[in-house]
């Protein structure tokens, strides 16, 4: 089966999670399937190679899975962007809104060097609030976000609008 079709078939829809009205796209079946997981990592790696990425930012928490694996394959650094209060060193913070609330994410202030080419990786692009906040953190530290890559995009929510000037790639669109 073609990789995109395989991944699409493995996404499980969970209605009313984490609250009523939200249709949660569950990627755990992809992670559990060795062929599906490898296919997803191969797609992320391919996008990062074409962008000449020097570091990968994985967005809390599922972006850690895909981002860390892609960074390993590429031999580049991995940067976790976490929810507020989870990082132990000096950090930068940025608040954002999402489809069902608001939050704050943080990054260590020494995570990105000026001029470094960075890819953002996460499992899902919805409103783009989290990814937009992560991009702002990278830019505040002098890095250049050269690619934002998502396994899934909820197209009707127009999340790429929160990433102006950043090439956005999503493998599965719902």
N, C-alpha and C. Protein backbone atom coordinates (compact mmCIF):
# COMPACT_ATOMS: atom_id res chain seq x y z
N UNK A 1 0.85 -1.18 0.00
CA UNK A 1 0.00 0.00 0.00
C UNK A 1 0.90 1.25 0.00
N UNK A 2 0.49 2.26 -0.74
CA UNK A 2 1.21 3.53 -0.82
C UNK A 2 1.25 4.17 0.59
N UNK A 3 2.39 4.80 0.97
CA UNK A 3 2.55 5.32 2.35
C UNK A 3 1.43 6.24 2.82
N UNK A 4 1.02 7.20 2.00
CA UNK A 4 -0.03 8.13 2.43
C UNK A 4 -1.35 7.39 2.66
N UNK A 5 -1.69 6.49 1.77
CA UNK A 5 -2.93 5.71 1.93
C UNK A 5 -2.85 4.85 3.20
N UNK A 6 -1.69 4.25 3.44
CA UNK A 6 -1.52 3.44 4.66
C UNK A 6 -1.72 4.30 5.90
N UNK A 7 -1.05 5.45 5.96
CA UNK A 7 -1.17 6.32 7.13
C UNK A 7 -2.60 6.80 7.31
N UNK A 8 -3.24 7.17 6.23
CA UNK A 8 -4.63 7.61 6.31
C UNK A 8 -5.52 6.52 6.90
N UNK A 9 -5.28 5.28 6.49
CA UNK A 9 -6.10 4.16 6.98
C UNK A 9 -5.87 3.87 8.46
N UNK A 10 -4.72 4.30 8.99
CA UNK A 10 -4.38 4.02 10.39
C UNK A 10 -4.85 5.09 11.37
N UNK A 11 -5.25 6.26 10.88
CA UNK A 11 -5.71 7.32 11.78
C UNK A 11 -7.10 6.95 12.29
N UNK A 12 -7.24 7.01 13.61
CA UNK A 12 -8.52 6.67 14.25
C UNK A 12 -9.21 7.97 14.70
N UNK A 13 -10.47 8.11 14.37
CA UNK A 13 -11.25 9.29 14.77
C UNK A 13 -11.94 9.01 16.10
N UNK A 14 -11.72 9.90 17.07
CA UNK A 14 -12.36 9.77 18.39
C UNK A 14 -13.27 10.99 18.58
N UNK A 15 -14.60 10.80 18.50
CA UNK A 15 -15.51 11.94 18.67
C UNK A 15 -15.57 12.42 20.12
N UNK A 16 -15.76 13.73 20.26
CA UNK A 16 -15.97 14.36 21.57
C UNK A 16 -14.81 14.16 22.54
N UNK A 17 -13.59 14.21 22.02
CA UNK A 17 -12.40 14.14 22.87
C UNK A 17 -11.43 15.24 22.46
N UNK A 18 -10.91 16.00 23.36
CA UNK A 18 -10.99 15.94 24.82
C UNK A 18 -12.24 16.60 25.40
N UNK A 19 -13.09 17.16 24.53
CA UNK A 19 -14.34 17.73 25.01
C UNK A 19 -15.38 17.63 23.89
N UNK A 20 -16.66 17.80 24.21
CA UNK A 20 -17.71 17.68 23.19
C UNK A 20 -17.47 18.61 21.99
N UNK A 21 -17.69 18.06 20.81
CA UNK A 21 -17.54 18.82 19.59
C UNK A 21 -16.19 18.69 18.91
N UNK A 22 -15.20 18.18 19.63
CA UNK A 22 -13.87 17.99 19.05
C UNK A 22 -13.79 16.58 18.46
N UNK A 23 -13.30 16.48 17.23
CA UNK A 23 -13.08 15.18 16.59
C UNK A 23 -11.58 14.90 16.64
N UNK A 24 -11.13 14.16 17.62
CA UNK A 24 -9.72 13.90 17.86
C UNK A 24 -9.18 12.90 16.84
N UNK A 25 -8.07 13.24 16.21
CA UNK A 25 -7.41 12.33 15.26
C UNK A 25 -6.33 11.58 16.03
N UNK A 26 -6.58 10.32 16.31
CA UNK A 26 -5.68 9.48 17.11
C UNK A 26 -4.63 8.84 16.21
N UNK A 27 -3.36 9.18 16.47
CA UNK A 27 -2.26 8.64 15.66
C UNK A 27 -1.59 7.44 16.31
N UNK A 28 -2.08 7.00 17.47
CA UNK A 28 -1.42 5.86 18.13
C UNK A 28 -1.44 4.58 17.29
N UNK A 29 -2.45 4.34 16.43
CA UNK A 29 -2.35 3.16 15.56
C UNK A 29 -1.17 3.26 14.58
N UNK A 30 -0.81 4.48 14.16
CA UNK A 30 0.37 4.64 13.30
C UNK A 30 1.62 4.27 14.07
N UNK A 31 1.71 4.72 15.30
CA UNK A 31 2.89 4.43 16.13
C UNK A 31 3.02 2.93 16.41
N UNK A 32 1.89 2.25 16.54
CA UNK A 32 1.90 0.82 16.86
C UNK A 32 2.20 -0.05 15.65
N UNK A 33 2.01 0.49 14.46
CA UNK A 33 2.22 -0.27 13.23
C UNK A 33 3.65 -0.01 12.72
N UNK A 34 4.51 -1.02 12.70
CA UNK A 34 5.91 -0.76 12.31
C UNK A 34 6.07 -0.20 10.90
N UNK A 35 5.25 -0.63 9.97
CA UNK A 35 5.34 -0.12 8.61
C UNK A 35 4.81 1.32 8.56
N UNK A 36 3.72 1.57 9.25
CA UNK A 36 3.15 2.91 9.30
C UNK A 36 4.06 3.90 9.99
N UNK A 37 4.65 3.49 11.11
CA UNK A 37 5.55 4.38 11.84
C UNK A 37 6.77 4.71 10.98
N UNK A 38 7.36 3.70 10.36
CA UNK A 38 8.52 3.94 9.49
C UNK A 38 8.15 4.86 8.33
N UNK A 39 6.99 4.65 7.74
CA UNK A 39 6.55 5.49 6.62
C UNK A 39 6.41 6.94 7.05
N UNK A 40 5.85 7.16 8.25
CA UNK A 40 5.69 8.53 8.73
C UNK A 40 7.04 9.20 8.95
N UNK A 41 7.97 8.49 9.56
CA UNK A 41 9.30 9.06 9.80
C UNK A 41 10.01 9.34 8.48
N UNK A 42 9.89 8.42 7.53
CA UNK A 42 10.51 8.63 6.21
C UNK A 42 9.97 9.90 5.54
N UNK A 43 8.68 10.17 5.68
CA UNK A 43 8.10 11.38 5.10
C UNK A 43 8.66 12.63 5.76
N UNK A 44 8.73 12.64 7.09
CA UNK A 44 9.30 13.79 7.80
C UNK A 44 10.76 14.01 7.41
N UNK A 45 11.53 12.93 7.36
CA UNK A 45 12.96 13.02 7.01
C UNK A 45 13.13 13.59 5.60
N UNK A 46 12.33 13.11 4.67
CA UNK A 46 12.43 13.60 3.29
C UNK A 46 12.20 15.10 3.20
N UNK A 47 11.21 15.61 3.92
CA UNK A 47 10.93 17.05 3.91
C UNK A 47 12.08 17.84 4.54
N UNK A 48 12.63 17.33 5.62
CA UNK A 48 13.73 18.03 6.29
C UNK A 48 14.99 18.05 5.43
N UNK A 49 15.25 16.97 4.73
CA UNK A 49 16.45 16.92 3.86
C UNK A 49 16.37 17.99 2.78
N UNK A 50 15.21 18.14 2.16
CA UNK A 50 15.09 19.11 1.07
C UNK A 50 15.21 20.54 1.58
N UNK A 51 14.97 20.78 2.88
CA UNK A 51 15.02 22.13 3.44
C UNK A 51 16.37 22.46 4.07
N UNK A 52 17.31 21.50 4.09
CA UNK A 52 18.62 21.75 4.68
C UNK A 52 18.56 22.08 6.16
N UNK A 53 17.77 21.33 6.89
CA UNK A 53 17.53 21.58 8.31
C UNK A 53 18.76 21.25 9.16
N UNK A 54 19.03 22.13 10.13
CA UNK A 54 20.13 21.91 11.08
C UNK A 54 19.63 21.44 12.45
N UNK A 55 18.40 21.81 12.79
CA UNK A 55 17.78 21.36 14.04
C UNK A 55 16.30 21.14 13.80
N UNK A 56 15.74 20.26 14.62
CA UNK A 56 14.31 19.99 14.56
C UNK A 56 13.69 20.35 15.90
N UNK A 57 12.61 21.12 15.84
CA UNK A 57 11.83 21.44 17.03
C UNK A 57 10.63 20.50 17.02
N UNK A 58 10.50 19.71 18.09
CA UNK A 58 9.34 18.85 18.27
C UNK A 58 8.41 19.50 19.27
N UNK A 59 7.15 19.62 18.90
CA UNK A 59 6.17 20.31 19.75
C UNK A 59 5.48 19.30 20.67
N UNK A 60 5.41 19.66 21.94
CA UNK A 60 4.84 18.85 23.02
C UNK A 60 3.44 18.36 22.64
N UNK A 61 3.20 17.11 22.72
CA UNK A 61 4.05 16.00 23.10
C UNK A 61 4.27 15.04 21.93
N UNK A 62 3.30 14.92 21.04
CA UNK A 62 3.46 13.94 19.97
C UNK A 62 4.50 14.37 18.95
N UNK A 63 4.79 15.66 18.87
CA UNK A 63 5.87 16.12 18.00
C UNK A 63 7.22 15.62 18.45
N UNK A 64 7.33 15.25 19.75
CA UNK A 64 8.58 14.67 20.25
C UNK A 64 8.87 13.34 19.57
N UNK A 65 7.83 12.56 19.37
CA UNK A 65 7.99 11.22 18.80
C UNK A 65 8.54 11.32 17.38
N UNK A 66 7.84 12.08 16.55
CA UNK A 66 8.23 12.19 15.14
C UNK A 66 9.50 13.02 14.98
N UNK A 67 9.60 14.10 15.72
CA UNK A 67 10.75 14.99 15.61
C UNK A 67 12.05 14.35 16.05
N UNK A 68 12.03 13.66 17.18
CA UNK A 68 13.25 13.03 17.69
C UNK A 68 13.71 11.92 16.74
N UNK A 69 12.78 11.14 16.23
CA UNK A 69 13.15 10.07 15.30
C UNK A 69 13.75 10.65 14.02
N UNK A 70 13.14 11.71 13.49
CA UNK A 70 13.65 12.34 12.27
C UNK A 70 15.03 12.96 12.52
N UNK A 71 15.21 13.62 13.67
CA UNK A 71 16.51 14.22 14.01
C UNK A 71 17.59 13.15 14.08
N UNK A 72 17.26 12.01 14.67
CA UNK A 72 18.22 10.90 14.76
C UNK A 72 18.65 10.44 13.37
N UNK A 73 17.69 10.22 12.50
CA UNK A 73 18.00 9.75 11.15
C UNK A 73 18.85 10.77 10.40
N UNK A 74 18.54 12.05 10.57
CA UNK A 74 19.25 13.11 9.85
C UNK A 74 20.58 13.49 10.49
N UNK A 75 20.79 13.09 11.73
CA UNK A 75 22.02 13.46 12.44
C UNK A 75 22.05 14.94 12.81
N UNK A 76 20.86 15.49 13.15
CA UNK A 76 20.77 16.90 13.57
C UNK A 76 20.24 16.97 15.00
N UNK A 77 20.34 18.16 15.59
CA UNK A 77 19.87 18.34 16.96
C UNK A 77 18.35 18.34 17.05
N UNK A 78 17.86 17.96 18.23
CA UNK A 78 16.43 17.95 18.52
C UNK A 78 16.16 18.90 19.68
N UNK A 79 15.12 19.72 19.53
CA UNK A 79 14.74 20.69 20.56
C UNK A 79 13.29 20.42 20.98
N UNK A 80 13.07 20.10 22.24
CA UNK A 80 11.68 19.95 22.69
C UNK A 80 11.09 21.31 23.06
N UNK A 81 9.92 21.61 22.52
CA UNK A 81 9.14 22.76 22.95
C UNK A 81 8.05 22.20 23.85
N UNK A 82 8.05 22.66 25.11
CA UNK A 82 7.19 22.04 26.11
C UNK A 82 6.14 23.00 26.64
N UNK A 83 5.14 22.44 27.27
CA UNK A 83 4.16 23.24 27.98
C UNK A 83 4.85 23.92 29.17
N UNK A 84 4.31 25.03 29.60
CA UNK A 84 4.89 25.85 30.65
C UNK A 84 5.22 25.04 31.90
N UNK A 85 6.40 25.31 32.46
CA UNK A 85 6.80 24.70 33.73
C UNK A 85 7.46 23.34 33.62
N UNK A 86 7.73 22.86 32.42
CA UNK A 86 8.29 21.51 32.24
C UNK A 86 9.79 21.51 31.93
N UNK A 87 10.36 22.66 31.56
CA UNK A 87 11.78 22.71 31.22
C UNK A 87 12.57 23.27 32.40
N UNK A 88 13.74 22.68 32.70
CA UNK A 88 14.47 23.04 33.92
C UNK A 88 15.41 24.24 33.80
N UNK A 89 15.81 24.62 32.60
CA UNK A 89 16.83 25.66 32.42
C UNK A 89 16.16 26.99 32.07
N UNK A 90 16.96 28.04 31.89
CA UNK A 90 16.43 29.34 31.48
C UNK A 90 15.67 29.17 30.18
N UNK A 91 14.50 29.80 30.11
CA UNK A 91 13.64 29.54 28.96
C UNK A 91 12.93 30.80 28.49
N UNK A 92 12.47 30.71 27.25
CA UNK A 92 11.60 31.73 26.65
C UNK A 92 10.20 31.13 26.62
N UNK A 93 9.19 31.99 26.75
CA UNK A 93 7.80 31.54 26.76
C UNK A 93 7.00 32.29 25.71
N UNK A 94 5.95 31.66 25.24
CA UNK A 94 5.01 32.32 24.34
C UNK A 94 3.63 31.71 24.56
N UNK A 95 2.62 32.58 24.66
CA UNK A 95 1.24 32.10 24.85
C UNK A 95 0.56 32.00 23.48
N UNK A 96 -0.49 31.20 23.42
CA UNK A 96 -1.22 30.99 22.17
C UNK A 96 -2.62 30.49 22.49
N UNK A 97 -3.48 30.55 21.48
CA UNK A 97 -4.82 29.99 21.64
C UNK A 97 -4.95 28.77 20.73
N UNK A 98 -5.78 27.86 21.12
CA UNK A 98 -6.07 26.68 20.32
C UNK A 98 -7.58 26.53 20.20
N UNK A 99 -8.02 25.51 19.49
CA UNK A 99 -9.44 25.41 19.19
C UNK A 99 -10.33 25.25 20.42
N UNK A 100 -9.76 24.89 21.57
CA UNK A 100 -10.59 24.72 22.76
C UNK A 100 -9.94 25.29 24.02
N UNK A 101 -9.21 26.42 23.89
CA UNK A 101 -8.62 27.06 25.06
C UNK A 101 -7.37 27.83 24.73
N UNK A 102 -6.51 28.01 25.73
CA UNK A 102 -5.24 28.70 25.53
C UNK A 102 -4.17 28.00 26.37
N UNK A 103 -2.91 28.31 26.05
CA UNK A 103 -1.81 27.65 26.74
C UNK A 103 -0.54 28.48 26.56
N UNK A 104 0.54 28.03 27.19
CA UNK A 104 1.85 28.65 27.07
C UNK A 104 2.85 27.55 26.79
N UNK A 105 3.75 27.80 25.82
CA UNK A 105 4.85 26.86 25.56
C UNK A 105 6.17 27.55 25.84
N UNK A 106 7.20 26.71 26.07
CA UNK A 106 8.52 27.23 26.40
C UNK A 106 9.60 26.46 25.66
N UNK A 107 10.73 27.15 25.50
CA UNK A 107 11.92 26.56 24.89
C UNK A 107 13.13 27.07 25.68
N UNK A 108 14.13 26.22 25.84
CA UNK A 108 15.37 26.70 26.48
C UNK A 108 15.96 27.82 25.66
N UNK A 109 16.47 28.85 26.32
CA UNK A 109 16.96 30.02 25.61
C UNK A 109 18.25 29.78 24.83
N UNK A 110 18.92 28.66 25.09
CA UNK A 110 20.14 28.34 24.34
C UNK A 110 19.92 27.23 23.30
N UNK A 111 18.67 26.95 22.98
CA UNK A 111 18.34 25.81 22.11
C UNK A 111 18.68 26.05 20.65
N UNK A 112 18.60 27.29 20.21
CA UNK A 112 18.81 27.62 18.81
C UNK A 112 19.86 28.72 18.72
N UNK A 113 20.82 28.53 17.84
CA UNK A 113 21.84 29.55 17.60
C UNK A 113 21.36 30.47 16.47
N UNK A 114 21.79 31.73 16.50
CA UNK A 114 21.41 32.65 15.42
C UNK A 114 21.77 32.08 14.05
N UNK A 115 20.80 32.16 13.14
CA UNK A 115 21.00 31.69 11.78
C UNK A 115 20.73 30.22 11.53
N UNK A 116 20.52 29.43 12.58
CA UNK A 116 20.27 28.00 12.37
C UNK A 116 18.95 27.78 11.64
N UNK A 117 18.99 26.81 10.72
CA UNK A 117 17.81 26.43 9.94
C UNK A 117 17.05 25.35 10.71
N UNK A 118 15.80 25.67 11.03
CA UNK A 118 15.01 24.84 11.93
C UNK A 118 13.73 24.38 11.24
N UNK A 119 13.35 23.12 11.47
CA UNK A 119 12.05 22.60 11.05
C UNK A 119 11.21 22.37 12.30
N UNK A 120 9.95 22.78 12.23
CA UNK A 120 8.98 22.46 13.27
C UNK A 120 8.27 21.18 12.88
N UNK A 121 8.14 20.27 13.83
CA UNK A 121 7.43 19.01 13.56
C UNK A 121 6.40 18.77 14.65
N UNK A 122 5.19 18.43 14.21
CA UNK A 122 4.15 18.02 15.14
C UNK A 122 3.22 17.04 14.43
N UNK A 123 2.38 16.39 15.20
CA UNK A 123 1.47 15.41 14.60
C UNK A 123 0.30 16.07 13.91
N UNK A 124 -0.15 17.26 14.39
CA UNK A 124 -1.40 17.81 13.89
C UNK A 124 -1.35 19.33 13.82
N UNK A 125 -1.80 19.86 12.69
CA UNK A 125 -1.99 21.29 12.54
C UNK A 125 -3.49 21.56 12.55
N UNK A 126 -3.94 22.27 13.59
CA UNK A 126 -5.35 22.64 13.68
C UNK A 126 -5.45 24.15 13.45
N UNK A 127 -5.57 24.94 14.51
CA UNK A 127 -5.65 26.39 14.36
C UNK A 127 -4.28 27.01 14.12
N UNK A 128 -3.23 26.28 14.40
CA UNK A 128 -1.87 26.78 14.19
C UNK A 128 -1.32 27.60 15.34
N UNK A 129 -2.05 27.71 16.42
CA UNK A 129 -1.60 28.50 17.56
C UNK A 129 -0.31 27.99 18.17
N UNK A 130 -0.24 26.69 18.41
CA UNK A 130 0.96 26.11 19.02
C UNK A 130 2.15 26.24 18.08
N UNK A 131 1.96 25.88 16.82
CA UNK A 131 3.06 25.96 15.85
C UNK A 131 3.51 27.40 15.66
N UNK A 132 2.56 28.33 15.60
CA UNK A 132 2.91 29.74 15.45
C UNK A 132 3.72 30.24 16.63
N UNK A 133 3.34 29.83 17.84
CA UNK A 133 4.09 30.22 19.04
C UNK A 133 5.49 29.62 19.02
N UNK A 134 5.61 28.36 18.59
CA UNK A 134 6.92 27.71 18.51
C UNK A 134 7.81 28.43 17.49
N UNK A 135 7.23 28.82 16.36
CA UNK A 135 7.99 29.55 15.34
C UNK A 135 8.49 30.88 15.89
N UNK A 136 7.65 31.56 16.65
CA UNK A 136 8.06 32.84 17.25
C UNK A 136 9.22 32.64 18.23
N UNK A 137 9.18 31.57 19.01
CA UNK A 137 10.27 31.29 19.94
C UNK A 137 11.58 31.08 19.18
N UNK A 138 11.54 30.30 18.12
CA UNK A 138 12.74 30.05 17.31
C UNK A 138 13.28 31.37 16.76
N UNK A 139 12.39 32.18 16.24
CA UNK A 139 12.80 33.45 15.64
C UNK A 139 13.35 34.43 16.68
N UNK A 140 12.75 34.44 17.89
CA UNK A 140 13.26 35.30 18.97
C UNK A 140 14.71 34.96 19.32
N UNK A 141 15.07 33.69 19.16
CA UNK A 141 16.43 33.24 19.46
C UNK A 141 17.36 33.41 18.26
N UNK A 142 16.85 33.90 17.14
CA UNK A 142 17.68 34.16 15.97
C UNK A 142 17.68 33.05 14.94
N UNK A 143 16.92 31.98 15.18
CA UNK A 143 16.84 30.88 14.23
C UNK A 143 15.90 31.22 13.08
N UNK A 144 15.97 30.42 12.03
CA UNK A 144 15.12 30.59 10.85
C UNK A 144 14.29 29.34 10.67
N UNK A 145 12.96 29.48 10.78
CA UNK A 145 12.07 28.34 10.56
C UNK A 145 11.92 28.18 9.05
N UNK A 146 12.49 27.10 8.54
CA UNK A 146 12.50 26.87 7.09
C UNK A 146 11.44 25.88 6.64
N UNK A 147 10.77 25.26 7.59
CA UNK A 147 9.76 24.26 7.26
C UNK A 147 8.93 23.97 8.51
N UNK A 148 7.63 23.83 8.34
CA UNK A 148 6.74 23.34 9.39
C UNK A 148 6.06 22.11 8.80
N UNK A 149 6.22 20.98 9.47
CA UNK A 149 5.77 19.70 8.90
C UNK A 149 4.84 19.00 9.88
N UNK A 150 3.71 18.56 9.38
CA UNK A 150 2.69 17.93 10.21
C UNK A 150 2.24 16.63 9.56
N UNK A 151 1.97 15.65 10.38
CA UNK A 151 1.40 14.40 9.87
C UNK A 151 -0.01 14.68 9.34
N UNK A 152 -0.79 15.44 10.12
CA UNK A 152 -2.20 15.69 9.81
C UNK A 152 -2.48 17.19 9.83
N UNK A 153 -3.34 17.62 8.92
CA UNK A 153 -3.83 19.00 8.95
C UNK A 153 -5.35 18.98 8.90
N UNK A 154 -5.97 19.75 9.78
CA UNK A 154 -7.42 19.97 9.74
C UNK A 154 -7.63 21.24 8.92
N UNK A 155 -7.83 21.07 7.62
CA UNK A 155 -7.78 22.17 6.66
C UNK A 155 -8.79 23.29 6.95
N UNK A 156 -9.97 22.95 7.39
CA UNK A 156 -11.00 23.97 7.63
C UNK A 156 -10.60 24.96 8.72
N UNK A 157 -9.66 24.60 9.58
CA UNK A 157 -9.25 25.49 10.67
C UNK A 157 -8.17 26.49 10.24
N UNK A 158 -7.64 26.32 9.03
CA UNK A 158 -6.70 27.28 8.43
C UNK A 158 -5.50 27.61 9.31
N UNK A 159 -4.92 26.59 9.90
CA UNK A 159 -3.79 26.78 10.82
C UNK A 159 -2.54 27.35 10.19
N UNK A 160 -2.34 27.13 8.90
CA UNK A 160 -1.13 27.66 8.26
C UNK A 160 -1.11 29.18 8.26
N UNK A 161 -2.25 29.83 8.47
CA UNK A 161 -2.29 31.29 8.54
C UNK A 161 -1.50 31.81 9.74
N UNK A 162 -1.29 30.98 10.76
CA UNK A 162 -0.49 31.36 11.93
C UNK A 162 0.99 31.12 11.71
N UNK A 163 1.37 30.72 10.50
CA UNK A 163 2.78 30.49 10.15
C UNK A 163 3.13 31.29 8.89
N UNK A 164 2.93 32.61 8.93
CA UNK A 164 3.18 33.40 7.72
C UNK A 164 4.65 33.32 7.29
N UNK A 165 4.86 33.10 6.00
CA UNK A 165 6.21 33.04 5.46
C UNK A 165 6.93 31.72 5.67
N UNK A 166 6.28 30.76 6.34
CA UNK A 166 6.88 29.46 6.60
C UNK A 166 6.24 28.42 5.68
N UNK A 167 7.04 27.70 4.90
CA UNK A 167 6.46 26.62 4.09
C UNK A 167 5.86 25.54 5.01
N UNK A 168 4.61 25.19 4.76
CA UNK A 168 3.91 24.21 5.57
C UNK A 168 3.64 22.97 4.73
N UNK A 169 3.99 21.81 5.28
CA UNK A 169 3.71 20.54 4.64
C UNK A 169 2.89 19.68 5.59
N UNK A 170 1.80 19.14 5.10
CA UNK A 170 0.98 18.19 5.86
C UNK A 170 0.75 16.98 4.98
N UNK A 171 0.98 15.81 5.52
CA UNK A 171 0.87 14.58 4.72
C UNK A 171 -0.57 14.10 4.59
N UNK A 172 -1.38 14.28 5.64
CA UNK A 172 -2.77 13.83 5.63
C UNK A 172 -3.66 15.04 5.89
N UNK A 173 -4.68 15.22 5.06
CA UNK A 173 -5.57 16.36 5.23
C UNK A 173 -6.99 15.88 5.48
N UNK A 174 -7.56 16.45 6.52
CA UNK A 174 -8.95 16.11 6.88
C UNK A 174 -9.76 17.40 6.92
